Amino acid sequence: MLWLSKCFCNLNSGNDKASIKAKVGYYRLNLLVLVLEVKSLKEFNKERLKKCNKNMNRMNYKGYGIIKYLFEEDSLEFFKLLDSI
């Protein structure tokens, strides 16, 4: 049996989950509208992608930097995790 020893949260940081919940709430309110009429799924997907890309160019909610660049930094760590498994 394979046991993973990686920790994906900050120890002694109770706001870790709240931060994720806030992000999920933000996307639900801004990108996933309940009442929606779509004439073309292709056009709908293009519009969603534009909004997501625009969102990636804004400042992180704590002011750490532009979301796109923070994501790129994090994604390098994701690949390191995959290599270590």
PDB file of N, CA and C in Angstrom:
ATOM      1  N   MET A   1       0.851  -1.180   0.000  1.00  0.00           N
ATOM      2  CA  MET A   1       0.000   0.000   0.000  1.00  0.00           C
ATOM      3  C   MET A   1       0.893   1.239   0.000  1.00  0.00           C
ATOM      4  N   LEU A   2       0.522   2.226  -0.779  1.00  0.00           N
ATOM      5  CA  LEU A   2       1.298   3.452  -0.903  1.00  0.00           C
ATOM      6  C   LEU A   2       0.749   4.506   0.053  1.00  0.00           C
ATOM      7  N   TRP A   3       1.603   5.049   0.869  1.00  0.00           N
ATOM      8  CA  TRP A   3       1.208   6.120   1.793  1.00  0.00           C
ATOM      9  C   TRP A   3       1.850   7.413   1.326  1.00  0.00           C
ATOM     10  N   LEU A   4       1.062   8.463   1.257  1.00  0.00           N
ATOM     11  CA  LEU A   4       1.582   9.766   0.863  1.00  0.00           C
ATOM     12  C   LEU A   4       1.876  10.571   2.115  1.00  0.00           C
ATOM     13  N   SER A   5       2.983  11.247   2.103  1.00  0.00           N
ATOM     14  CA  SER A   5       3.348  12.027   3.278  1.00  0.00           C
ATOM     15  C   SER A   5       3.265  13.527   3.026  1.00  0.00           C
ATOM     16  N   LYS A   6       2.673  13.922   1.936  1.00  0.00           N
ATOM     17  CA  LYS A   6       2.571  15.346   1.623  1.00  0.00           C
ATOM     18  C   LYS A   6       1.447  15.984   2.427  1.00  0.00           C
ATOM     19  N   CYS A   7       1.641  17.229   2.796  1.00  0.00           N
ATOM     20  CA  CYS A   7       0.622  17.984   3.534  1.00  0.00           C
ATOM     21  C   CYS A   7       0.166  19.122   2.630  1.00  0.00           C
ATOM     22  N   PHE A   8      -1.122  19.207   2.373  1.00  0.00           N
ATOM     23  CA  PHE A   8      -1.638  20.189   1.427  1.00  0.00           C
ATOM     24  C   PHE A   8      -2.330  21.366   2.098  1.00  0.00           C
ATOM     25  N   CYS A   9      -2.108  21.551   3.369  1.00  0.00           N
ATOM     26  CA  CYS A   9      -2.677  22.712   4.052  1.00  0.00           C
ATOM     27  C   CYS A   9      -1.619  23.279   4.989  1.00  0.00           C
ATOM     28  N   ASN A  10      -1.831  24.493   5.411  1.00  0.00           N
ATOM     29  CA  ASN A  10      -0.910  25.128   6.340  1.00  0.00           C
ATOM     30  C   ASN A  10      -1.278  24.732   7.756  1.00  0.00           C
ATOM     31  N   LEU A  11      -0.341  24.161   8.476  1.00  0.00           N
ATOM     32  CA  LEU A  11      -0.601  23.785   9.857  1.00  0.00           C
ATOM     33  C   LEU A  11      -0.875  25.030  10.690  1.00  0.00           C
ATOM     34  N   ASN A  12      -1.755  24.910  11.647  1.00  0.00           N
ATOM     35  CA  ASN A  12      -2.122  26.011  12.549  1.00  0.00           C
ATOM     36  C   ASN A  12      -2.646  27.229  11.790  1.00  0.00           C
ATOM     37  N   SER A  13      -3.288  26.994  10.670  1.00  0.00           N
ATOM     38  CA  SER A  13      -3.840  28.090   9.876  1.00  0.00           C
ATOM     39  C   SER A  13      -5.317  27.813   9.628  1.00  0.00           C
ATOM     40  N   GLY A  14      -6.144  28.279  10.533  1.00  0.00           N
ATOM     41  CA  GLY A  14      -7.577  28.030  10.443  1.00  0.00           C
ATOM     42  C   GLY A  14      -8.254  28.706   9.271  1.00  0.00           C
ATOM     43  N   ASN A  15      -7.610  29.716   8.697  1.00  0.00           N
ATOM     44  CA  ASN A  15      -8.229  30.443   7.587  1.00  0.00           C
ATOM     45  C   ASN A  15      -7.975  29.778   6.244  1.00  0.00           C
ATOM     46  N   ASP A  16      -7.250  28.670   6.236  1.00  0.00           N
ATOM     47  CA  ASP A  16      -6.932  27.997   4.977  1.00  0.00           C
ATOM     48  C   ASP A  16      -8.201  27.579   4.234  1.00  0.00           C
ATOM     49  N   LYS A  17      -9.113  26.917   4.929  1.00  0.00           N
ATOM     50  CA  LYS A  17     -10.357  26.469   4.297  1.00  0.00           C
ATOM     51  C   LYS A  17     -11.248  27.651   3.934  1.00  0.00           C
ATOM     52  N   ALA A  18     -11.273  28.653   4.791  1.00  0.00           N
ATOM     53  CA  ALA A  18     -12.115  29.822   4.527  1.00  0.00           C
ATOM     54  C   ALA A  18     -11.678  30.525   3.248  1.00  0.00           C
ATOM     55  N   SER A  19     -10.395  30.569   3.016  1.00  0.00           N
ATOM     56  CA  SER A  19      -9.867  31.192   1.804  1.00  0.00           C
ATOM     57  C   SER A  19     -10.366  30.454   0.565  1.00  0.00           C
ATOM     58  N   ILE A  20     -10.337  29.131   0.602  1.00  0.00           N
ATOM     59  CA  ILE A  20     -10.807  28.328  -0.528  1.00  0.00           C
ATOM     60  C   ILE A  20     -12.306  28.520  -0.720  1.00  0.00           C
ATOM     61  N   LYS A  21     -13.062  28.526   0.379  1.00  0.00           N
ATOM     62  CA  LYS A  21     -14.512  28.731   0.282  1.00  0.00           C
ATOM     63  C   LYS A  21     -14.823  30.088  -0.334  1.00  0.00           C
ATOM     64  N   ALA A  22     -14.051  31.098   0.020  1.00  0.00           N
ATOM     65  CA  ALA A  22     -14.264  32.432  -0.538  1.00  0.00           C
ATOM     66  C   ALA A  22     -14.021  32.427  -2.046  1.00  0.00           C
ATOM     67  N   LYS A  23     -12.987  31.726  -2.488  1.00  0.00           N
ATOM     68  CA  LYS A  23     -12.695  31.649  -3.924  1.00  0.00           C
ATOM     69  C   LYS A  23     -13.819  30.929  -4.671  1.00  0.00           C
ATOM     70  N   VAL A  24     -14.287  29.823  -4.112  1.00  0.00           N
ATOM     71  CA  VAL A  24     -15.386  29.080  -4.738  1.00  0.00           C
ATOM     72  C   VAL A  24     -16.621  29.971  -4.819  1.00  0.00           C
ATOM     73  N   GLY A  25     -16.926  30.685  -3.744  1.00  0.00           N
ATOM     74  CA  GLY A  25     -18.068  31.594  -3.735  1.00  0.00           C
ATOM     75  C   GLY A  25     -17.936  32.687  -4.781  1.00  0.00           C
ATOM     76  N   TYR A  26     -16.735  33.229  -4.919  1.00  0.00           N
ATOM     77  CA  TYR A  26     -16.490  34.268  -5.918  1.00  0.00           C
ATOM     78  C   TYR A  26     -16.814  33.760  -7.318  1.00  0.00           C
ATOM     79  N   TYR A  27     -16.308  32.570  -7.658  1.00  0.00           N
ATOM     80  CA  TYR A  27     -16.550  32.019  -8.994  1.00  0.00           C
ATOM     81  C   TYR A  27     -18.018  31.673  -9.198  1.00  0.00           C
ATOM     82  N   ARG A  28     -18.681  31.176  -8.171  1.00  0.00           N
ATOM     83  CA  ARG A  28     -20.111  30.878  -8.306  1.00  0.00           C
ATOM     84  C   ARG A  28     -20.902  32.137  -8.608  1.00  0.00           C
ATOM     85  N   LEU A  29     -20.601  33.210  -7.882  1.00  0.00           N
ATOM     86  CA  LEU A  29     -21.350  34.453  -8.063  1.00  0.00           C
ATOM     87  C   LEU A  29     -21.029  35.153  -9.380  1.00  0.00           C
ATOM     88  N   ASN A  30     -19.796  35.042  -9.836  1.00  0.00           N
ATOM     89  CA  ASN A  30     -19.377  35.803 -11.002  1.00  0.00           C
ATOM     90  C   ASN A  30     -19.349  35.024 -12.310  1.00  0.00           C
ATOM     91  N   LEU A  31     -19.253  33.712 -12.250  1.00  0.00           N
ATOM     92  CA  LEU A  31     -19.119  32.948 -13.490  1.00  0.00           C
ATOM     93  C   LEU A  31     -20.185  31.880 -13.682  1.00  0.00           C
ATOM     94  N   LEU A  32     -20.806  31.410 -12.627  1.00  0.00           N
ATOM     95  CA  LEU A  32     -21.784  30.328 -12.736  1.00  0.00           C
ATOM     96  C   LEU A  32     -23.161  30.835 -12.320  1.00  0.00           C
ATOM     97  N   VAL A  33     -23.838  31.490 -13.222  1.00  0.00           N
ATOM     98  CA  VAL A  33     -25.147  32.077 -12.959  1.00  0.00           C
ATOM     99  C   VAL A  33     -26.212  30.988 -13.081  1.00  0.00           C
ATOM    100  N   LEU A  34     -27.193  30.990 -12.184  1.00  0.00           N
ATOM    101  CA  LEU A  34     -28.208  29.943 -12.187  1.00  0.00           C
ATOM    102  C   LEU A  34     -29.155  30.019 -13.380  1.00  0.00           C
ATOM    103  N   VAL A  35     -29.677  31.207 -13.675  1.00  0.00           N
ATOM    104  CA  VAL A  35     -30.619  31.357 -14.786  1.00  0.00           C
ATOM    105  C   VAL A  35     -29.842  31.839 -16.001  1.00  0.00           C
ATOM    106  N   LEU A  36     -29.776  30.989 -17.008  1.00  0.00           N
ATOM    107  CA  LEU A  36     -28.924  31.295 -18.138  1.00  0.00           C
ATOM    108  C   LEU A  36     -29.526  30.728 -19.419  1.00  0.00           C
ATOM    109  N   GLU A  37     -29.599  31.550 -20.452  1.00  0.00           N
ATOM    110  CA  GLU A  37     -30.044  31.080 -21.763  1.00  0.00           C
ATOM    111  C   GLU A  37     -28.832  31.026 -22.674  1.00  0.00           C
ATOM    112  N   VAL A  38     -28.615  29.882 -23.267  1.00  0.00           N
ATOM    113  CA  VAL A  38     -27.459  29.693 -24.137  1.00  0.00           C
ATOM    114  C   VAL A  38     -27.956  29.263 -25.508  1.00  0.00           C
ATOM    115  N   LYS A  39     -27.619  30.050 -26.515  1.00  0.00           N
ATOM    116  CA  LYS A  39     -28.021  29.700 -27.881  1.00  0.00           C
ATOM    117  C   LYS A  39     -26.967  28.827 -28.554  1.00  0.00           C
ATOM    118  N   SER A  40     -25.721  29.013 -28.155  1.00  0.00           N
ATOM    119  CA  SER A  40     -24.631  28.230 -28.739  1.00  0.00           C
ATOM    120  C   SER A  40     -23.652  27.867 -27.626  1.00  0.00           C
ATOM    121  N   LEU A  41     -23.461  26.598 -27.407  1.00  0.00           N
ATOM    122  CA  LEU A  41     -22.542  26.151 -26.366  1.00  0.00           C
ATOM    123  C   LEU A  41     -21.115  26.597 -26.677  1.00  0.00           C
ATOM    124  N   LYS A  42     -20.778  26.603 -27.951  1.00  0.00           N
ATOM    125  CA  LYS A  42     -19.441  27.029 -28.360  1.00  0.00           C
ATOM    126  C   LYS A  42     -19.200  28.496 -27.991  1.00  0.00           C
ATOM    127  N   GLU A  43     -20.174  29.359 -28.280  1.00  0.00           N
ATOM    128  CA  GLU A  43     -20.053  30.780 -27.943  1.00  0.00           C
ATOM    129  C   GLU A  43     -20.053  30.989 -26.426  1.00  0.00           C
ATOM    130  N   PHE A  44     -20.880  30.231 -25.730  1.00  0.00           N
ATOM    131  CA  PHE A  44     -20.927  30.306 -24.270  1.00  0.00           C
ATOM    132  C   PHE A  44     -19.554  29.967 -23.690  1.00  0.00           C
ATOM    133  N   ASN A  45     -18.951  28.889 -24.170  1.00  0.00           N
ATOM    134  CA  ASN A  45     -17.639  28.476 -23.673  1.00  0.00           C
ATOM    135  C   ASN A  45     -16.564  29.509 -23.982  1.00  0.00           C
ATOM    136  N   LYS A  46     -16.645  30.136 -25.159  1.00  0.00           N
ATOM    137  CA  LYS A  46     -15.692  31.191 -25.504  1.00  0.00           C
ATOM    138  C   LYS A  46     -15.806  32.359 -24.529  1.00  0.00           C
ATOM    139  N   GLU A  47     -17.049  32.727 -24.215  1.00  0.00           N
ATOM    140  CA  GLU A  47     -17.283  33.845 -23.292  1.00  0.00           C
ATOM    141  C   GLU A  47     -16.777  33.515 -21.887  1.00  0.00           C
ATOM    142  N   ARG A  48     -17.035  32.308 -21.424  1.00  0.00           N
ATOM    143  CA  ARG A  48     -16.539  31.872 -20.098  1.00  0.00           C
ATOM    144  C   ARG A  48     -15.019  31.918 -20.058  1.00  0.00           C
ATOM    145  N   LEU A  49     -14.383  31.448 -21.121  1.00  0.00           N
ATOM    146  CA  LEU A  49     -12.924  31.440 -21.180  1.00  0.00           C
ATOM    147  C   LEU A  49     -12.370  32.862 -21.132  1.00  0.00           C
ATOM    148  N   LYS A  50     -13.026  33.794 -21.851  1.00  0.00           N
ATOM    149  CA  LYS A  50     -12.607  35.198 -21.808  1.00  0.00           C
ATOM    150  C   LYS A  50     -12.677  35.739 -20.386  1.00  0.00           C
ATOM    151  N   LYS A  51     -13.783  35.443 -19.687  1.00  0.00           N
ATOM    152  CA  LYS A  51     -13.945  35.935 -18.315  1.00  0.00           C
ATOM    153  C   LYS A  51     -12.904  35.327 -17.379  1.00  0.00           C
ATOM    154  N   CYS A  52     -12.635  34.047 -17.559  1.00  0.00           N
ATOM    155  CA  CYS A  52     -11.622  33.388 -16.723  1.00  0.00           C
ATOM    156  C   CYS A  52     -10.242  33.985 -16.978  1.00  0.00           C
ATOM    157  N   ASN A  53      -9.919  34.211 -18.248  1.00  0.00           N
ATOM    158  CA  ASN A  53      -8.620  34.800 -18.582  1.00  0.00           C
ATOM    159  C   ASN A  53      -8.503  36.219 -18.039  1.00  0.00           C
ATOM    160  N   LYS A  54      -9.590  36.979 -18.121  1.00  0.00           N
ATOM    161  CA  LYS A  54      -9.588  38.335 -17.571  1.00  0.00           C
ATOM    162  C   LYS A  54      -9.374  38.287 -16.056  1.00  0.00           C
ATOM    163  N   ASN A  55     -10.009  37.334 -15.405  1.00  0.00           N
ATOM    164  CA  ASN A  55      -9.869  37.190 -13.959  1.00  0.00           C
ATOM    165  C   ASN A  55      -8.429  36.842 -13.571  1.00  0.00           C
ATOM    166  N   MET A  56      -7.738  36.085 -14.411  1.00  0.00           N
ATOM    167  CA  MET A  56      -6.354  35.696 -14.112  1.00  0.00           C
ATOM    168  C   MET A  56      -5.409  36.897 -14.118  1.00  0.00           C
ATOM    169  N   ASN A  57      -5.842  38.011 -14.716  1.00  0.00           N
ATOM    170  CA  ASN A  57      -4.989  39.199 -14.800  1.00  0.00           C
ATOM    171  C   ASN A  57      -5.231  40.194 -13.674  1.00  0.00           C
ATOM    172  N   ARG A  58      -5.984  39.787 -12.659  1.00  0.00           N
ATOM    173  CA  ARG A  58      -6.212  40.713 -11.546  1.00  0.00           C
ATOM    174  C   ARG A  58      -5.307  40.350 -10.369  1.00  0.00           C
ATOM    175  N   MET A  59      -5.235  41.269  -9.424  1.00  0.00           N
ATOM    176  CA  MET A  59      -4.401  41.079  -8.240  1.00  0.00           C
ATOM    177  C   MET A  59      -5.030  40.047  -7.313  1.00  0.00           C
ATOM    178  N   ASN A  60      -4.206  39.219  -6.718  1.00  0.00           N
ATOM    179  CA  ASN A  60      -4.630  38.262  -5.701  1.00  0.00           C
ATOM    180  C   ASN A  60      -5.321  39.012  -4.567  1.00  0.00           C
ATOM    181  N   TYR A  61      -6.284  38.365  -3.913  1.00  0.00           N
ATOM    182  CA  TYR A  61      -7.084  39.047  -2.895  1.00  0.00           C
ATOM    183  C   TYR A  61      -6.253  39.539  -1.716  1.00  0.00           C
ATOM    184  N   LYS A  62      -5.089  38.964  -1.485  1.00  0.00           N
ATOM    185  CA  LYS A  62      -4.217  39.436  -0.407  1.00  0.00           C
ATOM    186  C   LYS A  62      -3.136  40.381  -0.926  1.00  0.00           C
ATOM    187  N   GLY A  63      -3.149  40.650  -2.215  1.00  0.00           N
ATOM    188  CA  GLY A  63      -2.175  41.569  -2.792  1.00  0.00           C
ATOM    189  C   GLY A  63      -0.804  40.959  -3.020  1.00  0.00           C
ATOM    190  N   TYR A  64      -0.715  39.631  -3.101  1.00  0.00           N
ATOM    191  CA  TYR A  64       0.572  38.961  -3.289  1.00  0.00           C
ATOM    192  C   TYR A  64       1.082  39.044  -4.722  1.00  0.00           C
ATOM    193  N   GLY A  65       0.228  39.372  -5.650  1.00  0.00           N
ATOM    194  CA  GLY A  65       0.650  39.449  -7.047  1.00  0.00           C
ATOM    195  C   GLY A  65      -0.496  39.114  -7.977  1.00  0.00           C
ATOM    196  N   ILE A  66      -0.214  39.127  -9.261  1.00  0.00           N
ATOM    197  CA  ILE A  66      -1.207  38.812 -10.280  1.00  0.00           C
ATOM    198  C   ILE A  66      -1.501  37.308 -10.232  1.00  0.00           C
ATOM    199  N   ILE A  67      -2.781  36.957 -10.274  1.00  0.00           N
ATOM    200  CA  ILE A  67      -3.206  35.561 -10.125  1.00  0.00           C
ATOM    201  C   ILE A  67      -2.527  34.658 -11.150  1.00  0.00           C
ATOM    202  N   LYS A  68      -2.409  35.114 -12.385  1.00  0.00           N
ATOM    203  CA  LYS A  68      -1.809  34.296 -13.447  1.00  0.00           C
ATOM    204  C   LYS A  68      -0.388  33.863 -13.074  1.00  0.00           C
ATOM    205  N   TYR A  69       0.400  34.799 -12.552  1.00  0.00           N
ATOM    206  CA  TYR A  69       1.787  34.487 -12.215  1.00  0.00           C
ATOM    207  C   TYR A  69       1.873  33.620 -10.964  1.00  0.00           C
ATOM    208  N   LEU A  70       0.987  33.863 -10.014  1.00  0.00           N
ATOM    209  CA  LEU A  70       0.959  33.020  -8.816  1.00  0.00           C
ATOM    210  C   LEU A  70       0.578  31.592  -9.183  1.00  0.00           C
ATOM    211  N   PHE A  71      -0.371  31.454 -10.106  1.00  0.00           N
ATOM    212  CA  PHE A  71      -0.775  30.121 -10.555  1.00  0.00           C
ATOM    213  C   PHE A  71       0.377  29.407 -11.261  1.00  0.00           C
ATOM    214  N   GLU A  72       1.109  30.146 -12.096  1.00  0.00           N
ATOM    215  CA  GLU A  72       2.250  29.541 -12.795  1.00  0.00           C
ATOM    216  C   GLU A  72       3.294  29.039 -11.797  1.00  0.00           C
ATOM    217  N   GLU A  73       3.560  29.834 -10.752  1.00  0.00           N
ATOM    218  CA  GLU A  73       4.504  29.402  -9.712  1.00  0.00           C
ATOM    219  C   GLU A  73       3.998  28.144  -9.014  1.00  0.00           C
ATOM    220  N   ASP A  74       2.722  28.143  -8.661  1.00  0.00           N
ATOM    221  CA  ASP A  74       2.143  26.982  -7.980  1.00  0.00           C
ATOM    222  C   ASP A  74       2.158  25.746  -8.869  1.00  0.00           C
ATOM    223  N   SER A  75       1.899  25.938 -10.156  1.00  0.00           N
ATOM    224  CA  SER A  75       1.836  24.772 -11.041  1.00  0.00           C
ATOM    225  C   SER A  75       3.187  24.076 -11.143  1.00  0.00           C
ATOM    226  N   LEU A  76       4.277  24.811 -11.007  1.00  0.00           N
ATOM    227  CA  LEU A  76       5.595  24.174 -10.992  1.00  0.00           C
ATOM    228  C   LEU A  76       5.719  23.237  -9.795  1.00  0.00           C
ATOM    229  N   GLU A  77       5.135  23.649  -8.674  1.00  0.00           N
ATOM    230  CA  GLU A  77       5.160  22.802  -7.478  1.00  0.00           C
ATOM    231  C   GLU A  77       4.259  21.585  -7.654  1.00  0.00           C
ATOM    232  N   PHE A  78       3.144  21.729  -8.387  1.00  0.00           N
ATOM    233  CA  PHE A  78       2.260  20.581  -8.642  1.00  0.00           C
ATOM    234  C   PHE A  78       3.039  19.465  -9.332  1.00  0.00           C
ATOM    235  N   PHE A  79       3.827  19.853 -10.337  1.00  0.00           N
ATOM    236  CA  PHE A  79       4.574  18.849 -11.094  1.00  0.00           C
ATOM    237  C   PHE A  79       5.629  18.175 -10.223  1.00  0.00           C
ATOM    238  N   LYS A  80       6.230  18.926  -9.310  1.00  0.00           N
ATOM    239  CA  LYS A  80       7.196  18.324  -8.384  1.00  0.00           C
ATOM    240  C   LYS A  80       6.505  17.286  -7.509  1.00  0.00           C
ATOM    241  N   LEU A  81       5.279  17.589  -7.083  1.00  0.00           N
ATOM    242  CA  LEU A  81       4.525  16.630  -6.274  1.00  0.00           C
ATOM    243  C   LEU A  81       4.264  15.350  -7.057  1.00  0.00           C
ATOM    244  N   LEU A  82       3.868  15.504  -8.313  1.00  0.00           N
ATOM    245  CA  LEU A  82       3.597  14.328  -9.142  1.00  0.00           C
ATOM    246  C   LEU A  82       4.850  13.479  -9.322  1.00  0.00           C
ATOM    247  N   ASP A  83       5.981  14.134  -9.488  1.00  0.00           N
ATOM    248  CA  ASP A  83       7.233  13.400  -9.667  1.00  0.00           C
ATOM    249  C   ASP A  83       7.647  12.655  -8.408  1.00  0.00           C
ATOM    250  N   SER A  84       7.230  13.155  -7.254  1.00  0.00           N
ATOM    251  CA  SER A  84       7.654  12.533  -5.996  1.00  0.00           C
ATOM    252  C   SER A  84       6.779  11.353  -5.585  1.00  0.00           C
ATOM    253  N   ILE A  85       5.679  11.143  -6.290  1.00  0.00           N
ATOM    254  CA  ILE A  85       4.776  10.033  -5.924  1.00  0.00           C
ATOM    255  C   ILE A  85       5.254   8.742  -6.550  1.00  0.00           C
TER     256      ILE A  85
END
